[in-house]
Protein backbone atom coordinates (compact mmCIF):
# COMPACT_ATOMS: atom_id res chain seq x y z
CA UNK A 1 75.89 44.87 81.45
CA UNK A 2 72.34 43.17 82.63
CA UNK A 3 71.19 47.47 81.95
CA UNK A 4 72.47 47.20 78.19
CA UNK A 5 70.51 43.95 77.69
CA UNK A 6 67.32 45.73 79.06
CA UNK A 7 67.77 48.55 76.51
CA UNK A 8 67.84 46.50 74.12
CA UNK A 9 64.95 44.51 74.85
CA UNK A 10 62.99 47.71 75.41
CA UNK A 11 63.90 49.47 72.01
CA UNK A 12 63.36 46.05 70.58
CA UNK A 13 59.31 46.14 72.10
CA UNK A 14 59.27 49.76 71.53
CA UNK A 15 60.12 49.18 67.29
CA UNK A 16 57.85 45.57 67.30
CA UNK A 17 54.93 48.25 68.67
CA UNK A 18 55.69 51.13 66.32
CA UNK A 19 55.80 49.22 63.40
CA UNK A 20 52.85 47.02 63.91
CA UNK A 21 51.43 50.50 64.23
CA UNK A 22 52.49 51.69 61.09
CA UNK A 23 51.59 48.24 59.55
CA UNK A 24 47.66 48.61 60.95
CA UNK A 25 47.79 52.31 60.07
CA UNK A 26 48.97 51.34 56.21
CA UNK A 27 46.32 49.28 55.88
CA UNK A 28 43.62 51.29 56.63
CA UNK A 29 45.08 54.84 55.17
CA UNK A 30 47.27 55.55 52.20
CA UNK A 31 50.41 55.92 53.93
CA UNK A 32 53.42 53.60 53.70
CA UNK A 33 56.08 54.46 56.35
CA UNK A 34 59.35 54.89 55.12
CA UNK A 35 62.47 53.45 56.52
CA UNK A 36 64.56 57.02 57.07
CA UNK A 37 64.49 60.42 56.75
CA UNK A 38 65.34 60.74 53.39
CA UNK A 39 63.28 58.09 51.95
CA UNK A 40 60.31 60.24 53.62
CA UNK A 41 61.56 63.51 52.46
CA UNK A 42 61.85 62.09 48.60
CA UNK A 43 58.73 60.46 48.72
CA UNK A 44 56.90 63.72 49.82
CA UNK A 45 58.63 65.83 47.40
CA UNK A 46 57.41 63.74 44.70
CA UNK A 47 53.96 63.45 45.89
CA UNK A 48 52.98 66.89 47.09
CA UNK A 49 55.04 69.41 44.73
CA UNK A 50 52.27 72.20 46.05
CA UNK A 51 55.00 73.94 48.44
CA UNK A 52 52.37 74.44 51.16
CA UNK A 53 51.68 70.89 51.45
CA UNK A 54 55.65 70.55 51.07
CA UNK A 55 55.82 72.50 53.77
CA UNK A 56 53.57 70.97 55.96
CA UNK A 57 55.10 67.39 55.32
CA UNK A 58 58.72 68.64 56.14
CA UNK A 59 57.06 69.67 59.48
CA UNK A 60 55.78 66.15 59.87
CA UNK A 61 58.59 64.44 59.44
CA UNK A 62 60.44 66.83 61.52
CA UNK A 63 58.03 65.72 64.13
CA UNK A 64 58.69 61.86 63.57
CA UNK A 65 62.70 62.49 63.58
CA UNK A 66 62.09 64.29 67.42
CA UNK A 67 59.87 61.93 68.32
CA UNK A 68 61.64 58.43 67.92
CA UNK A 69 65.05 60.61 69.72
CA UNK A 70 62.72 61.66 72.50
CA UNK A 71 61.55 58.38 73.38
CA UNK A 72 65.10 56.78 72.79
CA UNK A 73 67.39 58.90 74.74
CA UNK A 74 64.06 59.02 77.30
CA UNK A 75 64.25 54.89 77.64
CA UNK A 76 68.06 55.08 78.19
CA UNK A 77 68.15 57.70 80.95
CA UNK A 78 65.29 55.21 82.44
CA UNK A 79 67.68 52.54 82.28
CA UNK A 80 70.98 54.75 83.09
CA UNK A 81 70.53 57.00 85.39
CA UNK A 82 70.48 56.49 89.39
CA UNK A 83 68.30 59.91 90.29
CA UNK A 84 64.81 58.96 90.37
CA UNK A 85 63.57 62.39 89.41
CA UNK A 86 65.79 62.60 86.32
CA UNK A 87 64.19 58.83 85.71
CA UNK A 88 60.68 60.69 86.17
CA UNK A 89 61.18 63.02 83.80
CA UNK A 90 62.68 60.12 81.41
CA UNK A 91 59.22 58.12 82.13
CA UNK A 92 57.19 61.61 81.57
CA UNK A 93 59.23 62.62 78.37
CA UNK A 94 58.92 59.00 76.90
CA UNK A 95 54.97 58.85 77.38
CA UNK A 96 54.87 62.32 76.02
CA UNK A 97 55.94 61.22 72.95
CA UNK A 98 54.50 57.90 72.20
CA UNK A 99 51.54 59.70 72.71
CA UNK A 100 52.89 62.49 70.02
CA UNK A 101 53.94 59.71 67.62
CA UNK A 102 50.28 58.23 67.67
CA UNK A 103 48.72 61.38 67.14
CA UNK A 104 51.16 61.99 64.73
CA UNK A 105 50.42 59.00 63.00
CA UNK A 106 46.83 59.96 62.50
CA UNK A 107 47.86 63.65 60.91
CA UNK A 108 50.04 61.98 58.58
CA UNK A 109 47.85 59.17 57.01
CA UNK A 110 45.03 61.55 57.03
CA UNK A 111 46.78 64.67 55.08
CA UNK A 112 48.55 61.04 52.93
CA UNK A 113 52.35 62.64 54.17
CA UNK A 114 55.17 59.87 54.44
CA UNK A 115 57.15 60.06 57.61
CA UNK A 116 60.26 57.98 59.24
CA UNK A 117 59.89 55.29 60.90
CA UNK A 118 63.50 55.21 62.35
CA UNK A 119 65.51 57.41 64.15
CA UNK A 120 67.37 59.65 62.11
CA UNK A 121 71.93 60.07 62.13
CA UNK A 122 70.82 63.12 64.82
CA UNK A 123 68.65 60.89 66.82
CA UNK A 124 71.65 58.15 67.06
CA UNK A 125 74.28 60.45 67.77
CA UNK A 126 72.06 61.97 70.70
CA UNK A 127 71.68 58.62 71.82
CA UNK A 128 75.48 57.47 71.90
CA UNK A 129 76.29 61.14 73.62
CA UNK A 130 73.88 59.92 76.23
CA UNK A 131 75.07 56.50 76.60
CA UNK A 132 79.02 57.76 77.35
CA UNK A 133 78.09 59.74 79.96
CA UNK A 134 77.72 58.47 83.81
CA UNK A 135 75.99 59.77 86.87
CA UNK A 136 75.68 63.91 87.66
CA UNK A 137 76.78 64.28 84.20
CA UNK A 138 74.55 62.06 82.59
CA UNK A 139 71.78 63.49 84.33
CA UNK A 140 72.79 67.07 83.13
CA UNK A 141 73.67 65.91 79.76
CA UNK A 142 69.94 64.45 79.61
CA UNK A 143 68.63 67.50 80.32
CA UNK A 144 70.48 69.68 78.44
CA UNK A 145 69.42 67.62 75.43
CA UNK A 146 66.11 67.86 76.27
CA UNK A 147 65.58 71.73 76.87
CA UNK A 148 68.02 72.47 73.71
CA UNK A 149 65.04 69.98 71.45
CA UNK A 150 62.55 71.72 72.95
CA UNK A 151 63.59 75.19 72.30
CA UNK A 152 64.62 74.13 68.56
CA UNK A 153 61.01 72.50 68.10
CA UNK A 154 59.36 74.95 69.82
CA UNK A 155 60.48 77.50 66.66
CA UNK A 156 59.81 75.04 64.15
CA UNK A 157 56.15 74.52 65.38
CA UNK A 158 55.77 78.31 65.62
CA UNK A 159 56.69 78.80 62.20
CA UNK A 160 54.27 75.83 61.65
CA UNK A 161 51.30 76.98 63.47
CA UNK A 162 51.78 81.16 61.89
CA UNK A 163 52.25 80.01 57.98
CA UNK A 164 50.48 76.53 57.62
CA UNK A 165 47.48 76.72 55.23
CA UNK A 166 46.03 73.78 56.18
CA UNK A 167 43.64 73.91 59.50
CA UNK A 168 44.63 70.87 60.86
CA UNK A 169 48.32 71.39 60.54
CA UNK A 170 47.55 74.50 62.47
CA UNK A 171 45.95 72.92 64.96
CA UNK A 172 48.12 70.44 65.76
CA UNK A 173 51.31 72.56 65.28
CA UNK A 174 49.52 75.10 68.07
CA UNK A 175 49.16 71.74 70.32
CA UNK A 176 52.46 70.78 70.09
CA UNK A 177 53.75 74.06 70.93
CA UNK A 178 51.84 73.90 74.17
CA UNK A 179 53.49 70.52 75.32
CA UNK A 180 56.62 71.43 74.28
CA UNK A 181 56.48 74.14 76.11
CA UNK A 182 55.36 71.91 79.42
CA UNK A 183 58.54 69.16 78.30
CA UNK A 184 61.10 72.10 77.88
CA UNK A 185 59.70 73.74 81.61
CA UNK A 186 60.40 69.93 83.15
CA UNK A 187 63.70 69.62 81.81
CA UNK A 188 64.92 73.11 82.67
CA UNK A 189 63.29 72.30 86.54
CA UNK A 190 65.46 68.97 86.53
CA UNK A 191 68.47 70.27 85.04
CA UNK A 192 68.56 73.51 87.57
CA UNK A 193 68.01 70.96 90.59
CA UNK A 194 70.67 68.62 88.87
CA UNK A 195 73.11 71.65 88.43
CA UNK A 196 72.39 71.97 92.59
CA UNK A 197 73.84 68.83 93.58
């Protein structure tokens, strides 16, 4: 029960900090963060009828959803896992995606693209799936989830890096690919190690 309270406090502090960050950003830029993925997508469709800009908006919205999911499941693994190298992986992933969230917010503000400030249904389902696991099954499930999400994200970011007509988006997507590959490799190594145990 104590772990559940710690998770709730950690997530509450994270959300308060994120909302404050979005509020500050909205005061200095044109971006007003939307509560949901659907809200952000709808707003971007209205604002950016241009197909190139709409495609750029899609990848930023996807990135925001990915960031929330990875941060939340990584916070959970740090609380629930009994294995230190898995907890270390969770801390690393959380830090990386928190940094990525800050960079994404700045880019979205610069490009006047709406991004969601909440976890998607897929993110909530990933959290629930992980939450039900214990022991080595928890560790393997977390590592597998990170590996799979990084693989899917790499494919999406490669498309953005190759097809975006916006130089800033291309550069950001290229940098994200490098980071995603690092995340993937660390999670794969941890998965390999957890499968041996």
